[in-house]
Amino acid sequence: MTPPASHSRHAVALLLAVLAVGYWLASGYYGKELVAETAITAILAMSLSLLVGQAGLVSLGHAAYFGIGAYALAGFGQKLGWPPALAMAAAVAVGALLALVVGWVAVRLAGVFFIMITLAVGEMIHAWFLKDRSFGGVGGMSGVPRLDLSGIGVDLADPAQFALFALAVALLVYLLLDRLVLSPFGQTLRAIHQNEERARALGCPVGRYKLAAFVVAGAVAALAGTLAAQRSAFVSPELMTWTLSGEILIVVIVGGSGSLLGVSAAAALWIGLRHQLSTMTDHWMLAMGVIFVVLVLVAGDGIDGALRGLWRRIAARRAARRAA
């Protein structure tokens, strides 16, 4: 799918950011927590979108890198006493390194075999931290340090300010990934996704490109994990369950796997619906499942595809009026 013009994408991204800030201004404490959670979920979903939408690599263990980022921040920051900024950078590097090791094996596989090896690795990492007493085992670990931004007047211990910080990081991640998708690297990934055998026949090092995408996605997911750990000052094995990987994959599919903006909008929809439905019924998961099944059936390309179709119809009507 050809991305829309840069100014159109950036305008939509700005609109989404403005809507998020507007909700932040109008909401109370819990609303600001939802903004932070949505921003973190959007970052994680965008990282998986790079794999699924651009490289065609469907992972069911992506939450492992999210959790590793959180645990690495806790280990470097709390146990080793590193400055939070250095600990955060090192945690992202650990996520990238883990993705490099796993991806070196995984990208050699395709289809269900790739899905199963990512799921298996994710479950192994999850099982390890369930048993690892040095990080609290099943009970997790509290006291995770936050970035010190007091020099610029920002206190990340304040949920309201942390929400804006997370939103700013999500916007920055979008801009960087958008540039990456439009770069020759991103175009090559898309070509590999469309016809891997042809790309290989033309001399493209397919494995290297897939591995690079896997590493970038792992690093961005680890970044999201560091934000999640700072948001609650707590880490637990629940951050890397296969169910979380499945939820993020659903968000990517509903948003439109090839659209960073689509998956970001789907992340907001996911968090908002979960909050509203959980206050209305104990069967909120069933209700969410029905809603998302309907969305996928109605809009096969997700939110992004539905909006593109609407825009094409509006443009066609305008063209017909001008012709008349």
Protein backbone atom coordinates (compact mmCIF):
# COMPACT_ATOMS: atom_id res chain seq x y z
CA MET A 1 0.00 0.00 0.00
CA THR A 2 1.40 3.37 -0.96
CA PRO A 3 1.60 5.75 2.00
CA PRO A 4 -0.27 9.04 1.70
CA ALA A 5 1.64 12.29 1.25
CA SER A 6 3.88 13.29 4.14
CA HIS A 7 1.92 16.47 4.91
CA SER A 8 -1.32 14.46 5.12
CA ARG A 9 0.16 11.87 7.46
CA HIS A 10 1.75 14.48 9.67
CA ALA A 11 -1.49 16.45 9.77
CA VAL A 12 -3.36 13.36 10.96
CA ALA A 13 -0.63 12.65 13.53
CA LEU A 14 -0.91 16.22 14.80
CA LEU A 15 -4.69 15.87 14.98
CA LEU A 16 -4.39 12.69 17.05
CA ALA A 17 -1.92 14.42 19.37
CA VAL A 18 -4.21 17.43 19.76
CA LEU A 19 -7.16 15.15 20.58
CA ALA A 20 -5.04 13.35 23.18
CA VAL A 21 -3.96 16.64 24.77
CA GLY A 22 -7.56 17.84 24.74
CA TYR A 23 -8.65 14.70 26.56
CA TRP A 24 -5.75 15.18 28.98
CA LEU A 25 -6.92 18.72 29.75
CA ALA A 26 -10.54 17.67 30.28
CA SER A 27 -9.87 14.55 32.34
CA GLY A 28 -9.03 13.85 35.93
CA TYR A 29 -6.34 11.65 37.44
CA TYR A 30 -7.54 8.41 35.86
CA GLY A 31 -7.98 10.03 32.46
CA LYS A 32 -4.37 11.17 32.50
CA GLU A 33 -3.31 7.62 33.36
CA LEU A 34 -5.26 6.44 30.30
CA VAL A 35 -3.41 8.94 28.11
CA ALA A 36 -0.07 7.57 29.34
CA GLU A 37 -1.19 3.97 28.85
CA THR A 38 -2.45 4.76 25.36
CA ALA A 39 0.83 6.42 24.38
CA ILE A 40 2.86 3.44 25.61
CA THR A 41 0.53 0.98 23.86
CA ALA A 42 0.81 3.00 20.66
CA ILE A 43 4.62 2.83 20.77
CA LEU A 44 4.50 -0.95 21.28
CA ALA A 45 1.94 -1.33 18.48
CA MET A 46 4.00 0.79 16.08
CA SER A 47 7.04 -1.40 16.76
CA LEU A 48 5.05 -4.52 15.88
CA SER A 49 3.55 -2.76 12.86
CA LEU A 50 7.06 -2.41 11.45
CA LEU A 51 7.39 -6.19 11.54
CA VAL A 52 3.90 -7.19 10.43
CA GLY A 53 3.02 -4.44 7.99
CA GLN A 54 6.39 -3.75 6.40
CA ALA A 55 8.39 -6.99 6.67
CA GLY A 56 5.49 -9.45 6.82
CA LEU A 57 6.80 -11.04 10.04
CA VAL A 58 3.96 -11.95 12.42
CA SER A 59 5.30 -12.31 15.95
CA LEU A 60 3.44 -13.74 18.94
CA GLY A 61 6.29 -13.05 21.35
CA HIS A 62 6.71 -9.32 20.90
CA ALA A 63 5.80 -8.59 24.53
CA ALA A 64 9.08 -10.25 25.54
CA TYR A 65 11.03 -7.19 24.35
CA PHE A 66 8.54 -4.91 26.08
CA GLY A 67 9.11 -6.77 29.34
CA ILE A 68 12.87 -7.00 28.86
CA GLY A 69 13.04 -3.22 28.48
CA ALA A 70 11.17 -2.78 31.76
CA TYR A 71 13.25 -5.35 33.67
CA ALA A 72 16.53 -4.08 32.24
CA LEU A 73 15.67 -0.55 33.39
CA ALA A 74 14.91 -1.92 36.87
CA GLY A 75 18.15 -3.91 36.93
CA PHE A 76 20.44 -1.15 35.74
CA GLY A 77 18.69 1.63 37.62
CA GLN A 78 17.78 0.06 40.95
CA LYS A 79 20.18 -2.83 41.41
CA LEU A 80 23.29 -1.32 39.81
CA GLY A 81 22.49 2.27 40.71
CA TRP A 82 23.00 3.69 37.22
CA PRO A 83 21.54 7.12 36.41
CA PRO A 84 18.01 6.64 35.02
CA ALA A 85 18.87 8.15 31.62
CA LEU A 86 21.83 5.78 31.19
CA ALA A 87 19.79 2.86 32.50
CA MET A 88 17.01 3.64 30.02
CA ALA A 89 19.42 3.78 27.07
CA ALA A 90 21.04 0.52 28.19
CA ALA A 91 17.61 -1.14 28.53
CA VAL A 92 16.76 -0.22 24.93
CA ALA A 93 20.14 -1.64 23.86
CA VAL A 94 19.39 -4.88 25.73
CA GLY A 95 16.08 -5.16 23.89
CA ALA A 96 17.87 -4.67 20.57
CA LEU A 97 20.54 -7.23 21.50
CA LEU A 98 17.94 -9.83 22.48
CA ALA A 99 16.11 -9.20 19.21
CA LEU A 100 19.40 -9.63 17.33
CA VAL A 101 20.03 -13.01 18.95
CA VAL A 102 16.47 -14.28 18.50
CA GLY A 103 16.07 -12.78 15.05
CA TRP A 104 19.29 -14.37 13.77
CA VAL A 105 17.48 -17.71 14.06
CA ALA A 106 13.85 -16.66 13.62
CA VAL A 107 14.13 -14.74 10.32
CA ARG A 108 15.42 -17.89 8.63
CA LEU A 109 11.94 -19.32 9.11
CA ALA A 110 8.63 -18.28 7.62
CA GLY A 111 4.90 -18.53 8.25
CA VAL A 112 3.74 -20.58 11.20
CA PHE A 113 7.31 -21.63 12.04
CA PHE A 114 8.32 -18.00 12.59
CA ILE A 115 5.21 -17.42 14.70
CA MET A 116 5.91 -20.47 16.86
CA ILE A 117 9.57 -19.69 17.51
CA THR A 118 8.74 -16.12 18.58
CA LEU A 119 6.00 -17.47 20.84
CA ALA A 120 8.35 -20.09 22.32
CA VAL A 121 11.10 -17.56 23.04
CA GLY A 122 8.62 -15.18 24.61
CA GLU A 123 7.26 -17.90 26.88
CA MET A 124 10.77 -18.99 27.90
CA ILE A 125 11.65 -15.44 28.93
CA HIS A 126 8.35 -15.09 30.76
CA ALA A 127 8.95 -18.36 32.62
CA TRP A 128 12.45 -17.26 33.58
CA PHE A 129 11.27 -14.07 35.26
CA LEU A 130 8.43 -15.92 36.99
CA LYS A 131 11.08 -17.99 38.81
CA ASP A 132 13.85 -15.41 39.15
CA ARG A 133 13.81 -14.29 42.80
CA SER A 134 16.40 -11.58 42.22
CA PHE A 135 13.72 -9.62 40.34
CA GLY A 136 10.89 -10.58 42.68
CA GLY A 137 9.63 -13.66 40.84
CA VAL A 138 5.90 -13.80 40.30
CA GLY A 139 5.39 -10.83 42.66
CA GLY A 140 7.51 -8.49 40.58
CA MET A 141 9.68 -5.65 41.85
CA SER A 142 8.89 -2.08 42.86
CA GLY A 143 11.01 1.05 43.18
CA VAL A 144 11.93 1.40 39.50
CA PRO A 145 13.64 4.81 39.05
CA ARG A 146 12.25 7.48 36.75
CA LEU A 147 14.07 9.94 34.53
CA ASP A 148 15.02 13.14 36.31
CA LEU A 149 13.76 16.01 34.18
CA SER A 150 13.57 18.53 37.01
CA GLY A 151 16.13 20.63 35.16
CA ILE A 152 13.46 21.55 32.61
CA GLY A 153 10.69 21.76 35.20
CA VAL A 154 9.16 18.32 34.57
CA ASP A 155 8.33 15.93 37.39
CA LEU A 156 7.66 12.46 36.01
CA ALA A 157 6.38 11.34 39.41
CA ASP A 158 3.32 13.46 38.61
CA PRO A 159 0.95 11.30 36.49
CA ALA A 160 -0.27 14.34 34.55
CA GLN A 161 3.25 15.36 33.50
CA PHE A 162 4.27 11.78 32.81
CA ALA A 163 1.29 11.39 30.47
CA LEU A 164 2.44 14.37 28.38
CA PHE A 165 6.00 13.04 28.38
CA ALA A 166 4.84 9.62 27.15
CA LEU A 167 2.72 11.30 24.49
CA ALA A 168 5.73 13.32 23.30
CA VAL A 169 7.86 10.16 23.11
CA ALA A 170 5.11 8.40 21.12
CA LEU A 171 4.99 11.30 18.64
CA LEU A 172 8.79 11.21 18.28
CA VAL A 173 8.73 7.44 17.71
CA TYR A 174 6.08 7.90 15.02
CA LEU A 175 8.17 10.52 13.20
CA LEU A 176 11.30 8.35 13.30
CA LEU A 177 9.52 5.19 12.18
CA ASP A 178 7.68 7.12 9.47
CA ARG A 179 11.03 8.28 8.08
CA LEU A 180 12.33 4.72 8.29
CA VAL A 181 9.31 3.30 6.44
CA LEU A 182 9.71 5.84 3.63
CA SER A 183 13.47 5.34 3.37
CA PRO A 184 15.08 2.93 0.88
CA PHE A 185 15.29 0.47 3.78
CA GLY A 186 11.53 0.62 4.31
CA GLN A 187 10.81 0.37 0.60
CA THR A 188 13.02 -2.71 0.39
CA LEU A 189 11.18 -4.29 3.32
CA ARG A 190 7.89 -3.71 1.54
CA ALA A 191 9.27 -5.29 -1.63
CA ILE A 192 10.40 -8.33 0.36
CA HIS A 193 6.96 -8.58 1.91
CA GLN A 194 5.24 -8.47 -1.48
CA ASN A 195 7.51 -10.96 -3.24
CA GLU A 196 10.41 -12.37 -1.27
CA GLU A 197 11.62 -14.71 -3.99
CA ARG A 198 11.81 -11.93 -6.56
CA ALA A 199 13.71 -9.68 -4.13
CA ARG A 200 16.17 -12.50 -3.47
CA ALA A 201 16.58 -13.16 -7.19
CA LEU A 202 17.46 -9.48 -7.70
CA GLY A 203 20.32 -9.87 -5.24
CA CYS A 204 18.67 -8.38 -2.15
CA PRO A 205 20.08 -9.76 1.14
CA VAL A 206 16.61 -10.65 2.40
CA GLY A 207 17.77 -12.15 5.68
CA ARG A 208 19.76 -9.07 6.66
CA TYR A 209 16.84 -6.74 6.00
CA LYS A 210 14.46 -8.91 8.01
CA LEU A 211 16.95 -9.12 10.86
CA ALA A 212 17.44 -5.35 10.86
CA ALA A 213 13.67 -4.82 11.03
CA PHE A 214 13.45 -7.35 13.87
CA VAL A 215 16.17 -5.53 15.83
CA VAL A 216 14.59 -2.09 15.35
CA ALA A 217 11.19 -3.44 16.41
CA GLY A 218 12.73 -5.05 19.51
CA ALA A 219 14.48 -1.81 20.48
CA VAL A 220 11.30 0.27 20.12
CA ALA A 221 9.31 -2.31 22.11
CA ALA A 222 11.97 -2.16 24.84
CA LEU A 223 11.62 1.65 24.87
CA ALA A 224 7.89 1.23 25.45
CA GLY A 225 8.74 -1.18 28.29
CA THR A 226 10.98 1.39 29.99
CA LEU A 227 8.11 3.89 29.90
CA ALA A 228 5.69 1.32 31.34
CA ALA A 229 8.11 0.58 34.18
CA GLN A 230 8.53 4.28 34.96
CA ARG A 231 4.80 4.91 34.80
CA SER A 232 4.04 2.48 37.64
CA ALA A 233 7.54 2.28 39.20
CA PHE A 234 6.93 -1.49 39.14
CA VAL A 235 7.79 -4.45 36.93
CA SER A 236 6.30 -7.95 36.86
CA PRO A 237 6.20 -10.96 34.52
CA GLU A 238 2.75 -9.81 33.40
CA LEU A 239 4.54 -7.35 31.12
CA MET A 240 5.71 -10.17 28.84
CA THR A 241 2.84 -12.66 28.62
CA TRP A 242 1.80 -14.14 25.29
CA THR A 243 -1.67 -12.71 25.84
CA LEU A 244 -0.20 -9.19 25.75
CA SER A 245 1.56 -10.09 22.50
CA GLY A 246 -1.79 -11.27 21.14
CA GLU A 247 -3.55 -8.07 22.23
CA ILE A 248 -0.96 -5.91 20.49
CA LEU A 249 -1.24 -8.03 17.35
CA ILE A 250 -5.01 -7.46 17.40
CA VAL A 251 -4.41 -3.71 17.75
CA VAL A 252 -2.10 -3.80 14.71
CA ILE A 253 -4.59 -5.76 12.62
CA VAL A 254 -7.52 -3.52 13.58
CA GLY A 255 -5.52 -0.37 12.92
CA GLY A 256 -4.17 -1.56 9.58
CA SER A 257 -0.89 -3.44 9.78
CA GLY A 258 0.96 -1.16 7.36
CA SER A 259 -0.12 2.13 8.95
CA LEU A 260 1.65 3.66 11.95
CA LEU A 261 -1.18 6.14 12.40
CA GLY A 262 -3.82 3.43 12.05
CA VAL A 263 -2.31 1.28 14.79
CA SER A 264 -1.91 4.35 17.02
CA ALA A 265 -5.61 5.12 16.60
CA ALA A 266 -6.43 1.47 17.26
CA ALA A 267 -4.35 1.62 20.46
CA ALA A 268 -6.45 4.54 21.68
CA LEU A 269 -9.63 2.66 20.72
CA TRP A 270 -8.41 -0.48 22.51
CA ILE A 271 -7.58 1.33 25.77
CA GLY A 272 -10.72 3.48 25.67
CA LEU A 273 -13.07 0.56 24.99
CA ARG A 274 -11.44 -1.59 27.64
CA HIS A 275 -11.92 1.17 30.21
CA GLN A 276 -15.53 1.88 29.29
CA LEU A 277 -16.71 -1.69 28.87
CA SER A 278 -15.02 -2.93 32.04
CA THR A 279 -17.11 -0.43 34.02
CA MET A 280 -20.31 -1.62 32.33
CA THR A 281 -20.09 -5.41 32.37
CA ASP A 282 -18.04 -8.31 33.70
CA HIS A 283 -18.08 -9.75 30.17
CA TRP A 284 -16.21 -6.81 28.68
CA MET A 285 -13.65 -9.05 26.96
CA LEU A 286 -16.44 -10.80 25.06
CA ALA A 287 -17.92 -7.45 24.07
CA MET A 288 -14.53 -6.19 22.87
CA GLY A 289 -14.02 -9.36 20.87
CA VAL A 290 -17.35 -8.90 19.09
CA ILE A 291 -16.61 -5.23 18.35
CA PHE A 292 -13.20 -5.96 16.86
CA VAL A 293 -14.47 -8.92 14.82
CA VAL A 294 -17.11 -6.62 13.31
CA LEU A 295 -14.48 -3.96 12.61
CA VAL A 296 -12.26 -6.43 10.80
CA LEU A 297 -15.20 -7.81 8.77
CA VAL A 298 -16.45 -4.35 7.79
CA ALA A 299 -13.01 -2.86 7.12
CA GLY A 300 -10.65 -5.56 5.90
CA ASP A 301 -7.69 -3.15 5.96
CA GLY A 302 -8.55 -1.93 9.43
CA ILE A 303 -9.13 1.65 10.54
CA ASP A 304 -6.56 2.95 8.07
CA GLY A 305 -8.22 1.15 5.15
CA ALA A 306 -11.68 2.38 6.14
CA LEU A 307 -10.51 6.00 6.33
CA ARG A 308 -8.69 5.70 3.01
CA GLY A 309 -11.84 4.31 1.40
CA LEU A 310 -13.92 7.15 2.85
CA TRP A 311 -11.43 9.72 1.57
CA ARG A 312 -11.45 8.17 -1.92
CA ARG A 313 -15.25 8.30 -2.05
CA ILE A 314 -15.27 11.95 -0.95
CA ALA A 315 -12.60 12.81 -3.54
CA ALA A 316 -14.55 10.97 -6.25
CA ARG A 317 -17.73 12.88 -5.43
CA ARG A 318 -15.87 16.19 -5.52
CA ALA A 319 -14.35 15.28 -8.89
CA ALA A 320 -17.79 14.33 -10.24
CA ARG A 321 -19.25 17.65 -9.07
CA ARG A 322 -16.45 19.61 -10.70
CA ALA A 323 -16.90 17.65 -13.94
CA ALA A 324 -20.65 18.34 -13.87
